[in-house]
Amino acid sequence: MEHLSEILSFIGGLFAGWTLRIIVDKSKNSTTIRGNVAAGDIAGRDINKK
């Protein structure tokens, strides 16, 4: 019982780190285009031309 607070702190930190890692992994949004040939533009996401 004397180490209960340290054990709970460790488990809480482990859970927080795991949750943060999932959030960061989901926020990576990259588009890769390979081997495409076009006369104009190839847009992987939004293209704004004025």
Protein backbone atom coordinates (compact mmCIF):
# COMPACT_ATOMS: atom_id res chain seq x y z
CA MET A 1 0.00 0.00 0.00
CA GLU A 2 2.90 2.37 0.46
CA HIS A 3 3.68 2.38 -3.27
CA LEU A 4 0.07 2.68 -4.45
CA SER A 5 0.35 6.35 -5.46
CA GLU A 6 3.50 5.68 -7.51
CA ILE A 7 1.88 2.71 -9.24
CA LEU A 8 -1.25 4.71 -10.07
CA SER A 9 0.88 7.60 -11.31
CA PHE A 10 2.83 5.25 -13.58
CA ILE A 11 -0.34 3.71 -15.00
CA GLY A 12 -1.87 7.16 -15.53
CA GLY A 13 1.25 8.40 -17.33
CA LEU A 14 1.35 5.29 -19.49
CA PHE A 15 -2.30 5.75 -20.46
CA ALA A 16 -1.80 9.48 -21.17
CA GLY A 17 1.22 8.79 -23.38
CA TRP A 18 -0.64 6.09 -25.28
CA THR A 19 -3.62 8.40 -25.84
CA LEU A 20 -1.38 11.27 -26.99
CA ARG A 21 0.39 8.96 -29.43
CA ILE A 22 -2.91 7.92 -31.03
CA ILE A 23 -3.98 11.56 -31.37
CA VAL A 24 -0.68 12.50 -33.03
CA ASP A 25 -0.80 9.49 -35.37
CA LYS A 26 -4.30 10.40 -36.55
CA SER A 27 -3.30 14.01 -37.19
CA LYS A 28 -0.69 13.05 -39.79
CA ASN A 29 -2.39 13.75 -43.08
CA SER A 30 -0.09 13.38 -46.04
CA THR A 31 -0.75 12.58 -49.66
CA THR A 32 1.72 10.73 -51.85
CA ILE A 33 1.38 10.77 -55.62
CA ARG A 34 3.74 8.62 -57.67
CA GLY A 35 3.92 7.78 -61.34
CA ASN A 36 1.16 10.09 -62.55
CA VAL A 37 1.52 12.01 -65.78
CA ALA A 38 -0.72 15.00 -66.48
CA ALA A 39 -0.68 17.99 -68.76
CA GLY A 40 -2.10 20.23 -66.02
CA ASP A 41 -2.20 20.06 -62.25
CA ILE A 42 -2.38 17.01 -60.04
CA ALA A 43 -3.94 17.90 -56.72
CA GLY A 44 -3.84 15.45 -53.86
CA ARG A 45 -6.13 17.56 -51.78
CA ASP A 46 -7.39 21.13 -52.26
CA ILE A 47 -6.10 23.31 -55.08
CA ASN A 48 -6.86 27.01 -55.26
CA LYS A 49 -5.91 28.81 -58.45
CA LYS A 50 -6.70 32.43 -59.07
